[in-house]
N, C-alpha and C. Protein backbone atom coordinates (compact mmCIF):
# COMPACT_ATOMS: atom_id res chain seq x y z
N MET A 1 -13.12 42.81 -62.81
CA MET A 1 -12.22 42.90 -61.67
C MET A 1 -11.39 41.63 -61.60
N GLY A 2 -10.17 41.74 -61.16
CA GLY A 2 -9.34 40.56 -60.93
C GLY A 2 -9.66 39.97 -59.58
N MET A 3 -8.89 39.00 -59.19
CA MET A 3 -9.09 38.36 -57.89
C MET A 3 -8.70 39.34 -56.79
N LYS A 4 -9.55 39.52 -55.80
CA LYS A 4 -9.22 40.35 -54.65
C LYS A 4 -9.47 39.55 -53.38
N VAL A 5 -8.75 39.92 -52.34
CA VAL A 5 -8.89 39.26 -51.04
C VAL A 5 -9.43 40.28 -50.06
N ARG A 6 -10.39 39.85 -49.25
CA ARG A 6 -11.00 40.74 -48.27
C ARG A 6 -11.43 39.95 -47.05
N ALA A 7 -11.70 40.68 -45.97
CA ALA A 7 -12.23 40.04 -44.76
C ALA A 7 -13.62 39.50 -45.07
N ALA A 8 -13.90 38.33 -44.57
CA ALA A 8 -15.22 37.73 -44.75
C ALA A 8 -16.21 38.35 -43.78
N GLY A 9 -17.44 38.42 -44.22
CA GLY A 9 -18.53 38.87 -43.38
C GLY A 9 -19.60 37.80 -43.30
N TYR A 10 -20.64 38.10 -42.54
CA TYR A 10 -21.72 37.13 -42.38
C TYR A 10 -22.38 36.78 -43.71
N SER A 11 -22.39 37.71 -44.64
CA SER A 11 -23.01 37.44 -45.94
C SER A 11 -22.22 36.41 -46.75
N ASP A 12 -20.99 36.11 -46.33
CA ASP A 12 -20.16 35.12 -47.02
C ASP A 12 -20.30 33.71 -46.46
N VAL A 13 -21.00 33.56 -45.35
CA VAL A 13 -21.04 32.27 -44.64
C VAL A 13 -21.56 31.15 -45.53
N ASP A 14 -22.64 31.37 -46.25
CA ASP A 14 -23.19 30.28 -47.07
C ASP A 14 -22.20 29.84 -48.15
N ARG A 15 -21.56 30.79 -48.81
CA ARG A 15 -20.60 30.43 -49.87
C ARG A 15 -19.39 29.72 -49.29
N ILE A 16 -18.87 30.19 -48.15
CA ILE A 16 -17.72 29.52 -47.52
C ILE A 16 -18.13 28.10 -47.12
N ALA A 17 -19.31 27.95 -46.58
CA ALA A 17 -19.78 26.61 -46.19
C ALA A 17 -19.91 25.70 -47.42
N ASP A 18 -20.39 26.23 -48.53
CA ASP A 18 -20.47 25.44 -49.76
C ASP A 18 -19.08 25.02 -50.25
N LEU A 19 -18.13 25.96 -50.21
CA LEU A 19 -16.75 25.62 -50.59
C LEU A 19 -16.16 24.63 -49.60
N GLY A 20 -16.51 24.77 -48.33
CA GLY A 20 -16.05 23.82 -47.31
C GLY A 20 -16.54 22.42 -47.61
N ASP A 21 -17.77 22.31 -48.08
CA ASP A 21 -18.33 21.01 -48.47
C ASP A 21 -17.55 20.43 -49.65
N GLU A 22 -17.21 21.29 -50.61
CA GLU A 22 -16.41 20.86 -51.77
C GLU A 22 -15.04 20.35 -51.30
N PHE A 23 -14.41 21.11 -50.43
CA PHE A 23 -13.12 20.72 -49.86
C PHE A 23 -13.25 19.39 -49.09
N TRP A 24 -14.25 19.31 -48.24
CA TRP A 24 -14.45 18.14 -47.39
C TRP A 24 -14.53 16.86 -48.21
N GLY A 25 -15.20 16.93 -49.35
CA GLY A 25 -15.34 15.76 -50.20
C GLY A 25 -14.02 15.19 -50.70
N GLN A 26 -12.96 15.99 -50.66
CA GLN A 26 -11.65 15.56 -51.14
C GLN A 26 -10.75 15.03 -50.02
N THR A 27 -11.22 15.11 -48.78
CA THR A 27 -10.38 14.74 -47.65
C THR A 27 -10.45 13.26 -47.31
N VAL A 28 -9.46 12.81 -46.61
CA VAL A 28 -9.44 11.43 -46.13
C VAL A 28 -10.60 11.20 -45.16
N TYR A 29 -11.00 12.23 -44.44
CA TYR A 29 -12.10 12.09 -43.48
C TYR A 29 -13.40 11.72 -44.19
N ALA A 30 -13.68 12.38 -45.28
CA ALA A 30 -14.88 12.05 -46.06
C ALA A 30 -14.77 10.65 -46.65
N LYS A 31 -13.58 10.30 -47.12
CA LYS A 31 -13.36 8.97 -47.69
C LYS A 31 -13.54 7.87 -46.65
N GLN A 32 -13.32 8.22 -45.38
CA GLN A 32 -13.51 7.25 -44.30
C GLN A 32 -14.94 7.26 -43.77
N GLY A 33 -15.80 8.09 -44.36
CA GLY A 33 -17.21 8.07 -44.00
C GLY A 33 -17.68 9.20 -43.10
N ALA A 34 -16.80 10.11 -42.71
CA ALA A 34 -17.23 11.24 -41.88
C ALA A 34 -18.09 12.17 -42.74
N VAL A 35 -19.22 12.57 -42.21
CA VAL A 35 -20.21 13.33 -42.97
C VAL A 35 -20.04 14.83 -42.70
N TYR A 36 -20.10 15.61 -43.75
CA TYR A 36 -20.07 17.07 -43.66
C TYR A 36 -21.42 17.55 -43.15
N HIS A 37 -21.41 18.43 -42.16
CA HIS A 37 -22.64 18.97 -41.58
C HIS A 37 -22.70 20.46 -41.87
N GLY A 38 -23.43 20.82 -42.90
CA GLY A 38 -23.48 22.20 -43.36
C GLY A 38 -23.98 23.19 -42.33
N GLU A 39 -25.02 22.81 -41.59
CA GLU A 39 -25.58 23.74 -40.59
C GLU A 39 -24.58 23.97 -39.46
N GLN A 40 -23.91 22.93 -39.03
CA GLN A 40 -22.87 23.09 -38.01
C GLN A 40 -21.72 23.95 -38.54
N ALA A 41 -21.36 23.75 -39.80
CA ALA A 41 -20.30 24.54 -40.41
C ALA A 41 -20.68 26.02 -40.40
N ARG A 42 -21.92 26.31 -40.72
CA ARG A 42 -22.37 27.70 -40.74
C ARG A 42 -22.31 28.32 -39.34
N LYS A 43 -22.73 27.60 -38.34
CA LYS A 43 -22.65 28.10 -36.95
C LYS A 43 -21.20 28.36 -36.56
N PHE A 44 -20.33 27.43 -36.93
CA PHE A 44 -18.91 27.60 -36.63
C PHE A 44 -18.35 28.84 -37.33
N LEU A 45 -18.71 29.03 -38.59
CA LEU A 45 -18.22 30.18 -39.35
C LEU A 45 -18.63 31.50 -38.72
N TYR A 46 -19.85 31.59 -38.22
CA TYR A 46 -20.27 32.82 -37.53
C TYR A 46 -19.36 33.09 -36.33
N GLN A 47 -18.99 32.04 -35.61
CA GLN A 47 -18.12 32.21 -34.44
C GLN A 47 -16.70 32.61 -34.83
N ILE A 48 -16.14 31.94 -35.82
CA ILE A 48 -14.75 32.20 -36.18
C ILE A 48 -14.59 33.56 -36.86
N ILE A 49 -15.62 34.04 -37.55
CA ILE A 49 -15.56 35.40 -38.11
C ILE A 49 -15.38 36.42 -36.99
N ASN A 50 -16.03 36.18 -35.86
CA ASN A 50 -15.92 37.10 -34.72
C ASN A 50 -14.62 36.95 -33.95
N ASN A 51 -14.04 35.76 -33.92
CA ASN A 51 -12.93 35.49 -33.00
C ASN A 51 -11.63 35.08 -33.67
N GLY A 52 -11.60 35.01 -34.98
CA GLY A 52 -10.39 34.57 -35.66
C GLY A 52 -10.10 35.47 -36.85
N ILE A 53 -9.48 34.88 -37.83
CA ILE A 53 -9.22 35.57 -39.09
C ILE A 53 -9.88 34.75 -40.19
N VAL A 54 -10.79 35.37 -40.90
CA VAL A 54 -11.48 34.71 -42.01
C VAL A 54 -11.42 35.66 -43.21
N LEU A 55 -10.77 35.20 -44.24
CA LEU A 55 -10.64 35.98 -45.47
C LEU A 55 -11.19 35.18 -46.63
N VAL A 56 -11.66 35.89 -47.64
CA VAL A 56 -12.13 35.25 -48.87
C VAL A 56 -11.41 35.86 -50.07
N ALA A 57 -11.28 35.05 -51.11
CA ALA A 57 -10.77 35.51 -52.40
C ALA A 57 -11.95 35.50 -53.35
N GLU A 58 -12.17 36.63 -54.02
CA GLU A 58 -13.31 36.69 -54.94
C GLU A 58 -12.93 37.40 -56.22
N ASP A 59 -13.66 37.04 -57.27
CA ASP A 59 -13.53 37.70 -58.56
C ASP A 59 -14.93 37.96 -59.08
N ASP A 60 -15.06 38.23 -60.35
CA ASP A 60 -16.38 38.53 -60.93
C ASP A 60 -17.36 37.38 -60.77
N ASP A 61 -16.84 36.16 -60.60
CA ASP A 61 -17.71 34.99 -60.42
C ASP A 61 -18.07 34.74 -58.97
N GLY A 62 -17.61 35.60 -58.05
CA GLY A 62 -17.93 35.45 -56.63
C GLY A 62 -16.76 34.90 -55.84
N VAL A 63 -17.06 34.45 -54.64
CA VAL A 63 -16.03 33.92 -53.73
C VAL A 63 -15.51 32.60 -54.27
N GLN A 64 -14.19 32.52 -54.43
CA GLN A 64 -13.54 31.36 -55.01
C GLN A 64 -12.62 30.63 -54.03
N GLY A 65 -12.45 31.19 -52.83
CA GLY A 65 -11.58 30.55 -51.85
C GLY A 65 -11.68 31.25 -50.51
N PHE A 66 -11.10 30.61 -49.51
CA PHE A 66 -11.15 31.16 -48.16
C PHE A 66 -9.96 30.65 -47.35
N ILE A 67 -9.71 31.36 -46.25
CA ILE A 67 -8.76 30.89 -45.24
C ILE A 67 -9.38 31.19 -43.88
N LEU A 68 -9.33 30.22 -43.00
CA LEU A 68 -9.83 30.36 -41.62
C LEU A 68 -8.68 30.12 -40.66
N LEU A 69 -8.43 31.08 -39.79
CA LEU A 69 -7.36 30.95 -38.81
C LEU A 69 -7.91 31.20 -37.41
N ALA A 70 -7.59 30.31 -36.48
CA ALA A 70 -7.91 30.52 -35.07
C ALA A 70 -6.75 31.27 -34.43
N ILE A 71 -7.05 32.14 -33.51
CA ILE A 71 -6.03 32.89 -32.80
C ILE A 71 -5.97 32.37 -31.37
N VAL A 72 -4.82 31.80 -31.01
CA VAL A 72 -4.65 31.24 -29.67
C VAL A 72 -3.25 31.53 -29.16
N PRO A 73 -3.10 31.58 -27.83
CA PRO A 73 -1.74 31.71 -27.30
C PRO A 73 -1.01 30.38 -27.41
N ILE A 74 0.30 30.46 -27.49
CA ILE A 74 1.11 29.24 -27.46
C ILE A 74 1.08 28.72 -26.03
N PRO A 75 0.77 27.44 -25.81
CA PRO A 75 0.56 26.94 -24.45
C PRO A 75 1.69 27.24 -23.46
N TRP A 76 2.91 27.26 -23.91
CA TRP A 76 4.02 27.44 -22.99
C TRP A 76 4.58 28.86 -23.01
N CYS A 77 3.90 29.74 -23.74
CA CYS A 77 4.33 31.13 -23.84
C CYS A 77 3.07 31.96 -24.10
N LEU A 78 2.29 32.19 -23.07
CA LEU A 78 0.96 32.76 -23.23
C LEU A 78 0.95 34.17 -23.79
N ASP A 79 2.09 34.87 -23.76
CA ASP A 79 2.11 36.22 -24.32
C ASP A 79 2.42 36.22 -25.82
N ALA A 80 2.64 35.05 -26.40
CA ALA A 80 2.88 34.94 -27.84
C ALA A 80 1.67 34.28 -28.50
N LEU A 81 0.98 35.03 -29.33
CA LEU A 81 -0.18 34.50 -30.03
C LEU A 81 0.24 33.84 -31.34
N THR A 82 -0.52 32.83 -31.71
CA THR A 82 -0.33 32.18 -33.00
C THR A 82 -1.66 32.14 -33.74
N ALA A 83 -1.60 32.30 -35.04
CA ALA A 83 -2.77 32.12 -35.90
C ALA A 83 -2.59 30.74 -36.52
N THR A 84 -3.51 29.85 -36.19
CA THR A 84 -3.40 28.46 -36.63
C THR A 84 -4.48 28.15 -37.65
N GLU A 85 -4.07 27.62 -38.78
CA GLU A 85 -5.01 27.31 -39.84
C GLU A 85 -6.03 26.27 -39.41
N LEU A 86 -7.27 26.57 -39.70
CA LEU A 86 -8.36 25.61 -39.51
C LEU A 86 -8.81 25.06 -40.86
N ALA A 87 -8.80 25.91 -41.87
CA ALA A 87 -9.17 25.49 -43.21
C ALA A 87 -8.66 26.53 -44.20
N TYR A 88 -8.29 26.05 -45.39
CA TYR A 88 -7.72 26.91 -46.43
C TYR A 88 -8.02 26.22 -47.74
N TYR A 89 -8.78 26.88 -48.60
CA TYR A 89 -9.22 26.22 -49.84
C TYR A 89 -9.47 27.24 -50.93
N VAL A 90 -9.07 26.89 -52.13
CA VAL A 90 -9.35 27.66 -53.34
C VAL A 90 -9.88 26.68 -54.37
N THR A 91 -10.90 27.07 -55.09
CA THR A 91 -11.46 26.19 -56.11
C THR A 91 -10.37 25.78 -57.10
N PRO A 92 -10.40 24.54 -57.57
CA PRO A 92 -9.34 24.05 -58.45
C PRO A 92 -9.08 24.95 -59.67
N GLU A 93 -10.12 25.50 -60.26
CA GLU A 93 -9.94 26.31 -61.45
C GLU A 93 -9.29 27.66 -61.17
N LYS A 94 -9.19 28.07 -59.92
CA LYS A 94 -8.57 29.36 -59.58
C LYS A 94 -7.21 29.20 -58.90
N ARG A 95 -6.76 27.98 -58.69
CA ARG A 95 -5.50 27.75 -57.97
C ARG A 95 -4.28 28.28 -58.71
N LYS A 96 -4.23 28.17 -59.99
CA LYS A 96 -3.05 28.59 -60.75
C LYS A 96 -2.97 30.11 -60.91
N GLY A 97 -4.01 30.83 -60.56
CA GLY A 97 -4.02 32.28 -60.73
C GLY A 97 -3.49 33.07 -59.55
N GLY A 98 -3.00 32.38 -58.54
CA GLY A 98 -2.40 33.08 -57.40
C GLY A 98 -3.36 33.43 -56.27
N ALA A 99 -4.61 32.98 -56.35
CA ALA A 99 -5.58 33.32 -55.30
C ALA A 99 -5.15 32.78 -53.94
N GLY A 100 -4.62 31.57 -53.92
CA GLY A 100 -4.20 30.98 -52.65
C GLY A 100 -3.06 31.75 -52.01
N ILE A 101 -2.10 32.17 -52.82
CA ILE A 101 -0.97 32.93 -52.28
C ILE A 101 -1.45 34.29 -51.79
N ARG A 102 -2.35 34.92 -52.52
CA ARG A 102 -2.88 36.21 -52.06
C ARG A 102 -3.64 36.06 -50.75
N LEU A 103 -4.41 34.99 -50.62
CA LEU A 103 -5.11 34.75 -49.35
C LEU A 103 -4.11 34.61 -48.20
N LEU A 104 -3.08 33.81 -48.41
CA LEU A 104 -2.11 33.57 -47.36
C LEU A 104 -1.33 34.84 -47.01
N ARG A 105 -0.91 35.59 -47.99
CA ARG A 105 -0.17 36.84 -47.74
C ARG A 105 -1.04 37.84 -46.96
N GLU A 106 -2.31 37.96 -47.33
CA GLU A 106 -3.19 38.88 -46.61
C GLU A 106 -3.44 38.38 -45.19
N ALA A 107 -3.56 37.07 -45.02
CA ALA A 107 -3.72 36.51 -43.67
C ALA A 107 -2.50 36.87 -42.81
N GLU A 108 -1.31 36.79 -43.40
CA GLU A 108 -0.09 37.17 -42.67
C GLU A 108 -0.16 38.64 -42.27
N ASN A 109 -0.59 39.51 -43.17
CA ASN A 109 -0.68 40.94 -42.87
C ASN A 109 -1.69 41.21 -41.76
N VAL A 110 -2.85 40.58 -41.83
CA VAL A 110 -3.87 40.76 -40.80
C VAL A 110 -3.34 40.27 -39.46
N ALA A 111 -2.68 39.11 -39.47
CA ALA A 111 -2.12 38.56 -38.22
C ALA A 111 -1.09 39.52 -37.62
N LYS A 112 -0.19 40.03 -38.43
CA LYS A 112 0.81 40.99 -37.94
C LYS A 112 0.14 42.21 -37.34
N ASP A 113 -0.88 42.73 -38.02
CA ASP A 113 -1.60 43.91 -37.53
C ASP A 113 -2.27 43.65 -36.18
N ARG A 114 -2.60 42.42 -35.91
CA ARG A 114 -3.25 42.05 -34.64
C ARG A 114 -2.23 41.64 -33.57
N GLY A 115 -0.96 41.78 -33.86
CA GLY A 115 0.07 41.46 -32.88
C GLY A 115 0.36 39.98 -32.74
N ILE A 116 0.00 39.20 -33.73
CA ILE A 116 0.23 37.76 -33.70
C ILE A 116 1.67 37.49 -34.13
N LYS A 117 2.35 36.65 -33.36
CA LYS A 117 3.77 36.41 -33.59
C LYS A 117 4.04 35.30 -34.61
N TYR A 118 3.20 34.28 -34.65
CA TYR A 118 3.42 33.13 -35.53
C TYR A 118 2.15 32.80 -36.31
N ILE A 119 2.35 32.19 -37.46
CA ILE A 119 1.24 31.64 -38.22
C ILE A 119 1.62 30.19 -38.55
N SER A 120 0.70 29.28 -38.33
CA SER A 120 0.94 27.86 -38.56
C SER A 120 -0.08 27.35 -39.57
N MET A 121 0.43 26.73 -40.62
CA MET A 121 -0.42 26.20 -41.66
C MET A 121 -0.33 24.68 -41.65
N ALA A 122 -1.48 24.04 -41.80
CA ALA A 122 -1.55 22.58 -41.86
C ALA A 122 -1.87 22.18 -43.29
N HIS A 123 -1.86 20.90 -43.53
CA HIS A 123 -2.22 20.42 -44.86
C HIS A 123 -2.81 19.02 -44.74
N VAL A 124 -3.96 18.82 -45.37
CA VAL A 124 -4.59 17.51 -45.43
C VAL A 124 -3.96 16.79 -46.62
N ASN A 125 -3.19 15.74 -46.34
CA ASN A 125 -2.42 15.06 -47.38
C ASN A 125 -3.26 14.50 -48.51
N SER A 126 -4.53 14.23 -48.26
CA SER A 126 -5.36 13.65 -49.30
C SER A 126 -5.82 14.68 -50.33
N VAL A 127 -5.58 15.97 -50.06
CA VAL A 127 -5.99 17.03 -50.98
C VAL A 127 -4.74 17.66 -51.59
N ASP A 128 -4.51 17.46 -52.88
CA ASP A 128 -3.38 18.07 -53.60
C ASP A 128 -2.07 17.88 -52.84
N PRO A 129 -1.58 16.65 -52.68
CA PRO A 129 -0.47 16.36 -51.78
C PRO A 129 0.85 17.05 -52.08
N ALA A 130 1.16 17.38 -53.32
CA ALA A 130 2.49 17.90 -53.65
C ALA A 130 2.62 19.42 -53.54
N THR A 131 1.58 20.14 -53.84
CA THR A 131 1.67 21.58 -53.98
C THR A 131 1.96 22.35 -52.69
N PRO A 132 1.22 22.12 -51.60
CA PRO A 132 1.38 23.00 -50.44
C PRO A 132 2.79 23.11 -49.88
N GLU A 133 3.51 22.02 -49.77
CA GLU A 133 4.84 22.11 -49.19
C GLU A 133 5.74 23.02 -50.02
N SER A 134 5.69 22.91 -51.33
CA SER A 134 6.54 23.76 -52.17
C SER A 134 6.10 25.23 -52.07
N VAL A 135 4.80 25.48 -52.00
CA VAL A 135 4.31 26.86 -51.87
C VAL A 135 4.72 27.43 -50.51
N TYR A 136 4.47 26.69 -49.45
CA TYR A 136 4.81 27.20 -48.11
C TYR A 136 6.31 27.47 -48.00
N THR A 137 7.12 26.56 -48.50
CA THR A 137 8.57 26.74 -48.44
C THR A 137 8.99 27.98 -49.23
N ARG A 138 8.44 28.14 -50.41
CA ARG A 138 8.75 29.31 -51.24
C ARG A 138 8.38 30.62 -50.54
N LEU A 139 7.33 30.59 -49.71
CA LEU A 139 6.87 31.79 -49.02
C LEU A 139 7.53 31.99 -47.66
N GLY A 140 8.54 31.17 -47.34
CA GLY A 140 9.30 31.38 -46.11
C GLY A 140 8.87 30.55 -44.91
N TYR A 141 7.96 29.61 -45.12
CA TYR A 141 7.53 28.74 -44.03
C TYR A 141 8.51 27.58 -43.89
N SER A 142 8.62 27.06 -42.69
CA SER A 142 9.44 25.86 -42.47
C SER A 142 8.62 24.86 -41.67
N LYS A 143 8.97 23.59 -41.83
CA LYS A 143 8.28 22.55 -41.07
C LYS A 143 8.67 22.66 -39.61
N THR A 144 7.67 22.79 -38.76
CA THR A 144 7.94 22.85 -37.33
C THR A 144 7.26 21.73 -36.58
N GLU A 145 6.21 21.19 -37.15
CA GLU A 145 5.48 20.09 -36.53
C GLU A 145 4.91 19.22 -37.64
N THR A 146 4.66 17.97 -37.32
CA THR A 146 3.97 17.07 -38.22
C THR A 146 2.83 16.44 -37.46
N PHE A 147 1.67 16.41 -38.08
CA PHE A 147 0.51 15.80 -37.44
C PHE A 147 0.30 14.39 -37.98
N PHE A 148 -0.09 13.50 -37.11
CA PHE A 148 -0.48 12.15 -37.49
C PHE A 148 -1.90 11.94 -37.04
N SER A 149 -2.71 11.31 -37.85
CA SER A 149 -4.11 11.07 -37.51
C SER A 149 -4.41 9.59 -37.52
N LYS A 150 -5.37 9.20 -36.71
CA LYS A 150 -5.78 7.81 -36.65
C LYS A 150 -7.32 7.78 -36.61
N ASP A 151 -7.91 6.94 -37.41
CA ASP A 151 -9.33 6.73 -37.40
C ASP A 151 -9.66 5.82 -36.22
N LEU A 152 -10.41 6.30 -35.26
CA LEU A 152 -10.71 5.54 -34.04
C LEU A 152 -12.06 4.85 -34.07
N LYS A 153 -12.48 4.41 -35.23
CA LYS A 153 -13.78 3.71 -35.36
C LYS A 153 -13.97 2.67 -34.31
């Protein structure tokens, strides 16, 4: 079978959490000493599967990537929902095969089906800094906000 994208279920929680740990290790947060908490991640995943959009990309080798989106109203326009990225990751060896784009396209379809008006994607600059902006732009996304972070040790 080729790469397919599907809704995540509870049976996917452990694999998503393991991939989340892999992703976390590449972030600036981990480099600054923030520790990944697998059990907390698993509890969170159970909640977001029920209340958000969670999709996985899998092939014959199993789940190779995921996307997690929270669904919230826009603060100043409560009748307009947005799907906001919480995490989005594909294993490095599967990135060139289109798994990430398939995940994002399916997330857009699921969001539309749920009546969501906007989708917002973030990017952790310490993980593959050049690729996301070109991919998002190619897929019709535009920069609408920029986040700045500060370590408050």
